[in-house]
Amino acid sequence: MFNETEYTTRQELLGDIQLIIEDALREQMEINPNEYSSYSALLVIPDLFEKTYIYEMHRMLFTDMGFSKVAILQVPNRPPSSSPACRIPFRLRY
């Protein structure tokens, strides 16, 4: 799902993703990091997505960035008329 070739660890990759999100929130929506706790976040993921990335991105939004609530929406990769894709069952545990 992500181009990991230039990263030595998954944390470096997620750190860059966090910087991109923070920059977009600041520049496009004028939301500063000290305001994140006043907002909820929606993480939209495709059907087939690594469970560890879901966990880490949820942790990043909720714990590291401090959003008050984080919801995850799993959407199909295929058009609705095609056969159902395999869903990844996951549970977030802290």
PDB file of N, CA and C in Angstrom:
ATOM      1  N   MET A   1       0.806  -1.194   0.000  1.00  0.00           N
ATOM      2  CA  MET A   1       0.000   0.000   0.000  1.00  0.00           C
ATOM      3  C   MET A   1       0.855   1.267   0.000  1.00  0.00           C
ATOM      4  N   PHE A   2       1.981   1.219   0.691  1.00  0.00           N
ATOM      5  CA  PHE A   2       2.878   2.368   0.748  1.00  0.00           C
ATOM      6  C   PHE A   2       4.213   2.014   0.120  1.00  0.00           C
ATOM      7  N   ASN A   3       4.893   3.010  -0.410  1.00  0.00           N
ATOM      8  CA  ASN A   3       6.233   2.802  -0.932  1.00  0.00           C
ATOM      9  C   ASN A   3       7.206   2.862   0.237  1.00  0.00           C
ATOM     10  N   GLU A   4       7.652   1.714   0.682  1.00  0.00           N
ATOM     11  CA  GLU A   4       8.497   1.628   1.868  1.00  0.00           C
ATOM     12  C   GLU A   4       9.981   1.532   1.536  1.00  0.00           C
ATOM     13  N   THR A   5      10.343   1.578   0.273  1.00  0.00           N
ATOM     14  CA  THR A   5      11.725   1.301  -0.115  1.00  0.00           C
ATOM     15  C   THR A   5      12.726   2.305   0.453  1.00  0.00           C
ATOM     16  N   GLU A   6      12.325   3.533   0.667  1.00  0.00           N
ATOM     17  CA  GLU A   6      13.262   4.547   1.155  1.00  0.00           C
ATOM     18  C   GLU A   6      13.250   4.706   2.668  1.00  0.00           C
ATOM     19  N   TYR A   7      12.515   3.848   3.352  1.00  0.00           N
ATOM     20  CA  TYR A   7      12.411   3.926   4.806  1.00  0.00           C
ATOM     21  C   TYR A   7      13.061   2.708   5.443  1.00  0.00           C
ATOM     22  N   THR A   8      13.789   2.929   6.518  1.00  0.00           N
ATOM     23  CA  THR A   8      14.410   1.793   7.208  1.00  0.00           C
ATOM     24  C   THR A   8      13.465   1.173   8.238  1.00  0.00           C
ATOM     25  N   THR A   9      12.500   1.954   8.726  1.00  0.00           N
ATOM     26  CA  THR A   9      11.529   1.421   9.677  1.00  0.00           C
ATOM     27  C   THR A   9      10.130   1.897   9.317  1.00  0.00           C
ATOM     28  N   ARG A  10       9.157   1.165   9.800  1.00  0.00           N
ATOM     29  CA  ARG A  10       7.758   1.552   9.587  1.00  0.00           C
ATOM     30  C   ARG A  10       7.444   2.863  10.325  1.00  0.00           C
ATOM     31  N   GLN A  11       8.103   3.103  11.453  1.00  0.00           N
ATOM     32  CA  GLN A  11       7.882   4.334  12.209  1.00  0.00           C
ATOM     33  C   GLN A  11       8.304   5.569  11.417  1.00  0.00           C
ATOM     34  N   GLU A  12       9.386   5.449  10.650  1.00  0.00           N
ATOM     35  CA  GLU A  12       9.804   6.573   9.799  1.00  0.00           C
ATOM     36  C   GLU A  12       8.730   6.878   8.764  1.00  0.00           C
ATOM     37  N   LEU A  13       8.176   5.845   8.151  1.00  0.00           N
ATOM     38  CA  LEU A  13       7.115   6.017   7.171  1.00  0.00           C
ATOM     39  C   LEU A  13       5.899   6.682   7.796  1.00  0.00           C
ATOM     40  N   LEU A  14       5.465   6.169   8.944  1.00  0.00           N
ATOM     41  CA  LEU A  14       4.297   6.740   9.616  1.00  0.00           C
ATOM     42  C   LEU A  14       4.566   8.161  10.096  1.00  0.00           C
ATOM     43  N   GLY A  15       5.812   8.461  10.463  1.00  0.00           N
ATOM     44  CA  GLY A  15       6.170   9.824  10.844  1.00  0.00           C
ATOM     45  C   GLY A  15       5.987  10.786   9.686  1.00  0.00           C
ATOM     46  N   ASP A  16       6.386  10.364   8.479  1.00  0.00           N
ATOM     47  CA  ASP A  16       6.181  11.205   7.305  1.00  0.00           C
ATOM     48  C   ASP A  16       4.700  11.366   6.976  1.00  0.00           C
ATOM     49  N   ILE A  17       3.932  10.281   7.118  1.00  0.00           N
ATOM     50  CA  ILE A  17       2.487  10.367   6.886  1.00  0.00           C
ATOM     51  C   ILE A  17       1.864  11.361   7.857  1.00  0.00           C
ATOM     52  N   GLN A  18       2.297  11.319   9.114  1.00  0.00           N
ATOM     53  CA  GLN A  18       1.788  12.257  10.112  1.00  0.00           C
ATOM     54  C   GLN A  18       2.130  13.691   9.727  1.00  0.00           C
ATOM     55  N   LEU A  19       3.345  13.927   9.270  1.00  0.00           N
ATOM     56  CA  LEU A  19       3.733  15.276   8.841  1.00  0.00           C
ATOM     57  C   LEU A  19       2.879  15.757   7.678  1.00  0.00           C
ATOM     58  N   ILE A  20       2.586  14.882   6.735  1.00  0.00           N
ATOM     59  CA  ILE A  20       1.746  15.249   5.589  1.00  0.00           C
ATOM     60  C   ILE A  20       0.336  15.607   6.058  1.00  0.00           C
ATOM     61  N   ILE A  21      -0.220  14.793   6.951  1.00  0.00           N
ATOM     62  CA  ILE A  21      -1.567  15.064   7.477  1.00  0.00           C
ATOM     63  C   ILE A  21      -1.586  16.384   8.244  1.00  0.00           C
ATOM     64  N   GLU A  22      -0.603  16.588   9.111  1.00  0.00           N
ATOM     65  CA  GLU A  22      -0.545  17.829   9.897  1.00  0.00           C
ATOM     66  C   GLU A  22      -0.418  19.049   8.989  1.00  0.00           C
ATOM     67  N   ASP A  23       0.416  18.946   7.950  1.00  0.00           N
ATOM     68  CA  ASP A  23       0.582  20.061   7.023  1.00  0.00           C
ATOM     69  C   ASP A  23      -0.717  20.351   6.278  1.00  0.00           C
ATOM     70  N   ALA A  24      -1.399  19.305   5.818  1.00  0.00           N
ATOM     71  CA  ALA A  24      -2.672  19.494   5.116  1.00  0.00           C
ATOM     72  C   ALA A  24      -3.722  20.117   6.032  1.00  0.00           C
ATOM     73  N   LEU A  25      -3.787  19.657   7.278  1.00  0.00           N
ATOM     74  CA  LEU A  25      -4.758  20.223   8.219  1.00  0.00           C
ATOM     75  C   LEU A  25      -4.465  21.699   8.501  1.00  0.00           C
ATOM     76  N   ARG A  26      -3.190  22.020   8.629  1.00  0.00           N
ATOM     77  CA  ARG A  26      -2.805  23.404   8.923  1.00  0.00           C
ATOM     78  C   ARG A  26      -3.018  24.310   7.703  1.00  0.00           C
ATOM     79  N   GLU A  27      -2.538  23.874   6.541  1.00  0.00           N
ATOM     80  CA  GLU A  27      -2.567  24.722   5.342  1.00  0.00           C
ATOM     81  C   GLU A  27      -3.940  24.775   4.676  1.00  0.00           C
ATOM     82  N   GLN A  28      -4.617  23.644   4.584  1.00  0.00           N
ATOM     83  CA  GLN A  28      -5.877  23.584   3.846  1.00  0.00           C
ATOM     84  C   GLN A  28      -7.110  23.846   4.722  1.00  0.00           C
ATOM     85  N   MET A  29      -7.033  23.446   5.984  1.00  0.00           N
ATOM     86  CA  MET A  29      -8.209  23.561   6.845  1.00  0.00           C
ATOM     87  C   MET A  29      -8.000  24.513   8.017  1.00  0.00           C
ATOM     88  N   GLU A  30      -6.782  25.049   8.137  1.00  0.00           N
ATOM     89  CA  GLU A  30      -6.440  25.993   9.203  1.00  0.00           C
ATOM     90  C   GLU A  30      -6.711  25.416  10.594  1.00  0.00           C
ATOM     91  N   ILE A  31      -6.336  24.145  10.766  1.00  0.00           N
ATOM     92  CA  ILE A  31      -6.461  23.477  12.067  1.00  0.00           C
ATOM     93  C   ILE A  31      -5.053  23.227  12.587  1.00  0.00           C
ATOM     94  N   ASN A  32      -4.738  23.792  13.730  1.00  0.00           N
ATOM     95  CA  ASN A  32      -3.421  23.641  14.339  1.00  0.00           C
ATOM     96  C   ASN A  32      -3.388  22.419  15.251  1.00  0.00           C
ATOM     97  N   PRO A  33      -2.203  21.850  15.468  1.00  0.00           N
ATOM     98  CA  PRO A  33      -2.096  20.646  16.308  1.00  0.00           C
ATOM     99  C   PRO A  33      -2.711  20.786  17.699  1.00  0.00           C
ATOM    100  N   ASN A  34      -2.668  21.967  18.287  1.00  0.00           N
ATOM    101  CA  ASN A  34      -3.258  22.137  19.625  1.00  0.00           C
ATOM    102  C   ASN A  34      -4.785  22.114  19.594  1.00  0.00           C
ATOM    103  N   GLU A  35      -5.379  22.071  18.409  1.00  0.00           N
ATOM    104  CA  GLU A  35      -6.841  22.022  18.268  1.00  0.00           C
ATOM    105  C   GLU A  35      -7.366  20.627  17.947  1.00  0.00           C
ATOM    106  N   TYR A  36      -6.487  19.663  17.699  1.00  0.00           N
ATOM    107  CA  TYR A  36      -6.915  18.327  17.284  1.00  0.00           C
ATOM    108  C   TYR A  36      -7.872  17.687  18.280  1.00  0.00           C
ATOM    109  N   SER A  37      -7.685  17.948  19.552  1.00  0.00           N
ATOM    110  CA  SER A  37      -8.548  17.320  20.563  1.00  0.00           C
ATOM    111  C   SER A  37     -10.001  17.785  20.464  1.00  0.00           C
ATOM    112  N   SER A  38     -10.244  18.848  19.716  1.00  0.00           N
ATOM    113  CA  SER A  38     -11.611  19.334  19.503  1.00  0.00           C
ATOM    114  C   SER A  38     -12.277  18.662  18.309  1.00  0.00           C
ATOM    115  N   TYR A  39     -11.536  17.806  17.611  1.00  0.00           N
ATOM    116  CA  TYR A  39     -12.028  17.187  16.385  1.00  0.00           C
ATOM    117  C   TYR A  39     -12.000  15.667  16.484  1.00  0.00           C
ATOM    118  N   SER A  40     -12.836  15.044  15.648  1.00  0.00           N
ATOM    119  CA  SER A  40     -12.811  13.599  15.453  1.00  0.00           C
ATOM    120  C   SER A  40     -12.203  13.337  14.083  1.00  0.00           C
ATOM    121  N   ALA A  41     -11.649  12.146  13.894  1.00  0.00           N
ATOM    122  CA  ALA A  41     -11.036  11.788  12.614  1.00  0.00           C
ATOM    123  C   ALA A  41     -11.697  10.533  12.064  1.00  0.00           C
ATOM    124  N   LEU A  42     -11.770  10.466  10.736  1.00  0.00           N
ATOM    125  CA  LEU A  42     -12.285   9.293  10.054  1.00  0.00           C
ATOM    126  C   LEU A  42     -11.176   8.736   9.177  1.00  0.00           C
ATOM    127  N   LEU A  43     -10.772   7.517   9.450  1.00  0.00           N
ATOM    128  CA  LEU A  43      -9.739   6.840   8.680  1.00  0.00           C
ATOM    129  C   LEU A  43     -10.434   5.924   7.685  1.00  0.00           C
ATOM    130  N   VAL A  44     -10.342   6.241   6.403  1.00  0.00           N
ATOM    131  CA  VAL A  44     -10.969   5.449   5.346  1.00  0.00           C
ATOM    132  C   VAL A  44      -9.901   4.533   4.760  1.00  0.00           C
ATOM    133  N   ILE A  45     -10.178   3.240   4.792  1.00  0.00           N
ATOM    134  CA  ILE A  45      -9.200   2.256   4.316  1.00  0.00           C
ATOM    135  C   ILE A  45      -9.841   1.354   3.261  1.00  0.00           C
ATOM    136  N   PRO A  46      -9.031   0.850   2.338  1.00  0.00           N
ATOM    137  CA  PRO A  46      -9.568  -0.107   1.365  1.00  0.00           C
ATOM    138  C   PRO A  46      -9.794  -1.467   2.001  1.00  0.00           C
ATOM    139  N   ASP A  47     -10.538  -2.308   1.284  1.00  0.00           N
ATOM    140  CA  ASP A  47     -10.809  -3.675   1.745  1.00  0.00           C
ATOM    141  C   ASP A  47      -9.555  -4.412   2.159  1.00  0.00           C
ATOM    142  N   LEU A  48      -8.605  -4.430   1.264  1.00  0.00           N
ATOM    143  CA  LEU A  48      -7.393  -5.211   1.484  1.00  0.00           C
ATOM    144  C   LEU A  48      -6.282  -4.277   1.939  1.00  0.00           C
ATOM    145  N   PHE A  49      -6.068  -4.255   3.227  1.00  0.00           N
ATOM    146  CA  PHE A  49      -5.101  -3.350   3.824  1.00  0.00           C
ATOM    147  C   PHE A  49      -4.451  -4.077   4.981  1.00  0.00           C
ATOM    148  N   GLU A  50      -3.163  -3.922   5.143  1.00  0.00           N
ATOM    149  CA  GLU A  50      -2.462  -4.629   6.218  1.00  0.00           C
ATOM    150  C   GLU A  50      -2.978  -4.225   7.589  1.00  0.00           C
ATOM    151  N   LYS A  51      -3.275  -5.217   8.375  1.00  0.00           N
ATOM    152  CA  LYS A  51      -3.812  -5.009   9.721  1.00  0.00           C
ATOM    153  C   LYS A  51      -2.890  -4.127  10.573  1.00  0.00           C
ATOM    154  N   THR A  52      -1.583  -4.319  10.441  1.00  0.00           N
ATOM    155  CA  THR A  52      -0.650  -3.531  11.247  1.00  0.00           C
ATOM    156  C   THR A  52      -0.702  -2.045  10.887  1.00  0.00           C
ATOM    157  N   TYR A  53      -0.912  -1.733   9.607  1.00  0.00           N
ATOM    158  CA  TYR A  53      -1.030  -0.326   9.217  1.00  0.00           C
ATOM    159  C   TYR A  53      -2.293   0.304   9.794  1.00  0.00           C
ATOM    160  N   ILE A  54      -3.376  -0.468   9.813  1.00  0.00           N
ATOM    161  CA  ILE A  54      -4.623   0.047  10.387  1.00  0.00           C
ATOM    162  C   ILE A  54      -4.398   0.397  11.855  1.00  0.00           C
ATOM    163  N   TYR A  55      -3.789  -0.517  12.581  1.00  0.00           N
ATOM    164  CA  TYR A  55      -3.510  -0.295  13.997  1.00  0.00           C
ATOM    165  C   TYR A  55      -2.609   0.929  14.186  1.00  0.00           C
ATOM    166  N   GLU A  56      -1.522   0.985  13.425  1.00  0.00           N
ATOM    167  CA  GLU A  56      -0.561   2.081  13.595  1.00  0.00           C
ATOM    168  C   GLU A  56      -1.150   3.432  13.203  1.00  0.00           C
ATOM    169  N   MET A  57      -1.939   3.477  12.139  1.00  0.00           N
ATOM    170  CA  MET A  57      -2.537   4.753  11.738  1.00  0.00           C
ATOM    171  C   MET A  57      -3.603   5.191  12.736  1.00  0.00           C
ATOM    172  N   HIS A  58      -4.347   4.230  13.276  1.00  0.00           N
ATOM    173  CA  HIS A  58      -5.322   4.558  14.322  1.00  0.00           C
ATOM    174  C   HIS A  58      -4.603   5.116  15.553  1.00  0.00           C
ATOM    175  N   ARG A  59      -3.516   4.462  15.950  1.00  0.00           N
ATOM    176  CA  ARG A  59      -2.734   4.921  17.092  1.00  0.00           C
ATOM    177  C   ARG A  59      -2.175   6.325  16.842  1.00  0.00           C
ATOM    178  N   MET A  60      -1.683   6.556  15.623  1.00  0.00           N
ATOM    179  CA  MET A  60      -1.129   7.862  15.277  1.00  0.00           C
ATOM    180  C   MET A  60      -2.189   8.966  15.410  1.00  0.00           C
ATOM    181  N   LEU A  61      -3.379   8.722  14.863  1.00  0.00           N
ATOM    182  CA  LEU A  61      -4.433   9.734  14.914  1.00  0.00           C
ATOM    183  C   LEU A  61      -4.957   9.948  16.330  1.00  0.00           C
ATOM    184  N   PHE A  62      -5.141   8.860  17.051  1.00  0.00           N
ATOM    185  CA  PHE A  62      -5.758   8.948  18.380  1.00  0.00           C
ATOM    186  C   PHE A  62      -4.753   9.335  19.458  1.00  0.00           C
ATOM    187  N   THR A  63      -3.653   8.644  19.512  1.00  0.00           N
ATOM    188  CA  THR A  63      -2.689   8.846  20.592  1.00  0.00           C
ATOM    189  C   THR A  63      -1.679   9.939  20.271  1.00  0.00           C
ATOM    190  N   ASP A  64      -0.997   9.809  19.139  1.00  0.00           N
ATOM    191  CA  ASP A  64       0.071  10.754  18.812  1.00  0.00           C
ATOM    192  C   ASP A  64      -0.454  12.142  18.462  1.00  0.00           C
ATOM    193  N   MET A  65      -1.506  12.193  17.644  1.00  0.00           N
ATOM    194  CA  MET A  65      -2.026  13.491  17.211  1.00  0.00           C
ATOM    195  C   MET A  65      -3.097  14.032  18.157  1.00  0.00           C
ATOM    196  N   GLY A  66      -3.754  13.165  18.886  1.00  0.00           N
ATOM    197  CA  GLY A  66      -4.670  13.603  19.932  1.00  0.00           C
ATOM    198  C   GLY A  66      -6.087  13.922  19.511  1.00  0.00           C
ATOM    199  N   PHE A  67      -6.569  13.321  18.417  1.00  0.00           N
ATOM    200  CA  PHE A  67      -7.973  13.537  18.060  1.00  0.00           C
ATOM    201  C   PHE A  67      -8.865  12.951  19.140  1.00  0.00           C
ATOM    202  N   SER A  68     -10.019  13.574  19.368  1.00  0.00           N
ATOM    203  CA  SER A  68     -10.892  13.123  20.452  1.00  0.00           C
ATOM    204  C   SER A  68     -11.505  11.760  20.163  1.00  0.00           C
ATOM    205  N   LYS A  69     -11.809  11.489  18.899  1.00  0.00           N
ATOM    206  CA  LYS A  69     -12.370  10.200  18.492  1.00  0.00           C
ATOM    207  C   LYS A  69     -11.794   9.857  17.131  1.00  0.00           C
ATOM    208  N   VAL A  70     -11.660   8.556  16.879  1.00  0.00           N
ATOM    209  CA  VAL A  70     -11.196   8.088  15.575  1.00  0.00           C
ATOM    210  C   VAL A  70     -12.100   6.932  15.157  1.00  0.00           C
ATOM    211  N   ALA A  71     -12.694   7.058  13.979  1.00  0.00           N
ATOM    212  CA  ALA A  71     -13.516   5.992  13.414  1.00  0.00           C
ATOM    213  C   ALA A  71     -12.800   5.440  12.186  1.00  0.00           C
ATOM    214  N   ILE A  72     -13.036   4.163  11.907  1.00  0.00           N
ATOM    215  CA  ILE A  72     -12.432   3.521  10.750  1.00  0.00           C
ATOM    216  C   ILE A  72     -13.550   3.044   9.837  1.00  0.00           C
ATOM    217  N   LEU A  73     -13.454   3.417   8.567  1.00  0.00           N
ATOM    218  CA  LEU A  73     -14.427   2.996   7.566  1.00  0.00           C
ATOM    219  C   LEU A  73     -13.698   2.177   6.511  1.00  0.00           C
ATOM    220  N   GLN A  74     -14.128   0.939   6.351  1.00  0.00           N
ATOM    221  CA  GLN A  74     -13.524   0.063   5.356  1.00  0.00           C
ATOM    222  C   GLN A  74     -14.403   0.077   4.113  1.00  0.00           C
ATOM    223  N   VAL A  75     -13.828   0.459   2.968  1.00  0.00           N
ATOM    224  CA  VAL A  75     -14.592   0.558   1.725  1.00  0.00           C
ATOM    225  C   VAL A  75     -14.087  -0.489   0.733  1.00  0.00           C
ATOM    226  N   PRO A  76     -14.977  -0.963  -0.139  1.00  0.00           N
ATOM    227  CA  PRO A  76     -14.558  -1.985  -1.106  1.00  0.00           C
ATOM    228  C   PRO A  76     -13.629  -1.417  -2.172  1.00  0.00           C
ATOM    229  N   ASN A  77     -12.699  -2.252  -2.617  1.00  0.00           N
ATOM    230  CA  ASN A  77     -11.800  -1.879  -3.710  1.00  0.00           C
ATOM    231  C   ASN A  77     -12.481  -2.040  -5.052  1.00  0.00           C
ATOM    232  N   ARG A  78     -13.525  -2.823  -5.089  1.00  0.00           N
ATOM    233  CA  ARG A  78     -14.203  -3.165  -6.338  1.00  0.00           C
ATOM    234  C   ARG A  78     -15.543  -2.454  -6.435  1.00  0.00           C
ATOM    235  N   PRO A  79     -16.041  -2.317  -7.652  1.00  0.00           N
ATOM    236  CA  PRO A  79     -17.395  -1.755  -7.809  1.00  0.00           C
ATOM    237  C   PRO A  79     -18.415  -2.643  -7.100  1.00  0.00           C
ATOM    238  N   PRO A  80     -19.506  -2.081  -6.619  1.00  0.00           N
ATOM    239  CA  PRO A  80     -20.508  -2.850  -5.873  1.00  0.00           C
ATOM    240  C   PRO A  80     -21.067  -4.055  -6.626  1.00  0.00           C
ATOM    241  N   SER A  81     -21.047  -4.034  -7.962  1.00  0.00           N
ATOM    242  CA  SER A  81     -21.628  -5.131  -8.725  1.00  0.00           C
ATOM    243  C   SER A  81     -20.754  -6.386  -8.733  1.00  0.00           C
ATOM    244  N   SER A  82     -19.489  -6.267  -8.380  1.00  0.00           N
ATOM    245  CA  SER A  82     -18.606  -7.437  -8.391  1.00  0.00           C
ATOM    246  C   SER A  82     -18.780  -8.258  -7.115  1.00  0.00           C
ATOM    247  N   SER A  83     -18.181  -9.417  -7.110  1.00  0.00           N
ATOM    248  CA  SER A  83     -18.304 -10.286  -5.939  1.00  0.00           C
ATOM    249  C   SER A  83     -17.636  -9.648  -4.722  1.00  0.00           C
ATOM    250  N   PRO A  84     -18.115  -9.976  -3.528  1.00  0.00           N
ATOM    251  CA  PRO A  84     -17.551  -9.353  -2.318  1.00  0.00           C
ATOM    252  C   PRO A  84     -16.077  -9.709  -2.132  1.00  0.00           C
ATOM    253  N   ALA A  85     -15.312  -8.727  -1.728  1.00  0.00           N
ATOM    254  CA  ALA A  85     -13.882  -8.940  -1.472  1.00  0.00           C
ATOM    255  C   ALA A  85     -13.700  -9.515  -0.078  1.00  0.00           C
ATOM    256  N   CYS A  86     -12.567 -10.092   0.131  1.00  0.00           N
ATOM    257  CA  CYS A  86     -12.231 -10.631   1.444  1.00  0.00           C
ATOM    258  C   CYS A  86     -12.009  -9.474   2.413  1.00  0.00           C
ATOM    259  N   ARG A  87     -12.684  -9.463   3.505  1.00  0.00           N
ATOM    260  CA  ARG A  87     -12.538  -8.419   4.506  1.00  0.00           C
ATOM    261  C   ARG A  87     -11.476  -8.841   5.517  1.00  0.00           C
ATOM    262  N   ILE A  88     -10.735  -7.872   6.027  1.00  0.00           N
ATOM    263  CA  ILE A  88      -9.720  -8.149   7.031  1.00  0.00           C
ATOM    264  C   ILE A  88     -10.344  -7.910   8.405  1.00  0.00           C
ATOM    265  N   PRO A  89     -10.596  -8.962   9.163  1.00  0.00           N
ATOM    266  CA  PRO A  89     -11.130  -8.735  10.514  1.00  0.00           C
ATOM    267  C   PRO A  89     -10.014  -8.219  11.413  1.00  0.00           C
ATOM    268  N   PHE A  90     -10.311  -7.208  12.190  1.00  0.00           N
ATOM    269  CA  PHE A  90      -9.313  -6.683  13.109  1.00  0.00           C
ATOM    270  C   PHE A  90      -9.991  -6.132  14.350  1.00  0.00           C
ATOM    271  N   ARG A  91      -9.220  -6.124  15.407  1.00  0.00           N
ATOM    272  CA  ARG A  91      -9.658  -5.526  16.661  1.00  0.00           C
ATOM    273  C   ARG A  91      -8.509  -4.670  17.168  1.00  0.00           C
ATOM    274  N   LEU A  92      -8.835  -3.459  17.544  1.00  0.00           N
ATOM    275  CA  LEU A  92      -7.817  -2.573  18.087  1.00  0.00           C
ATOM    276  C   LEU A  92      -7.773  -2.761  19.588  1.00  0.00           C
ATOM    277  N   ARG A  93      -6.593  -3.079  20.076  1.00  0.00           N
ATOM    278  CA  ARG A  93      -6.425  -3.308  21.516  1.00  0.00           C
ATOM    279  C   ARG A  93      -5.359  -2.379  22.037  1.00  0.00           C
ATOM    280  N   TYR A  94      -5.608  -1.806  23.184  1.00  0.00           N
ATOM    281  CA  TYR A  94      -4.626  -0.938  23.826  1.00  0.00           C
ATOM    282  C   TYR A  94      -4.357  -1.434  25.208  1.00  0.00           C
TER     283      TYR A  94
END
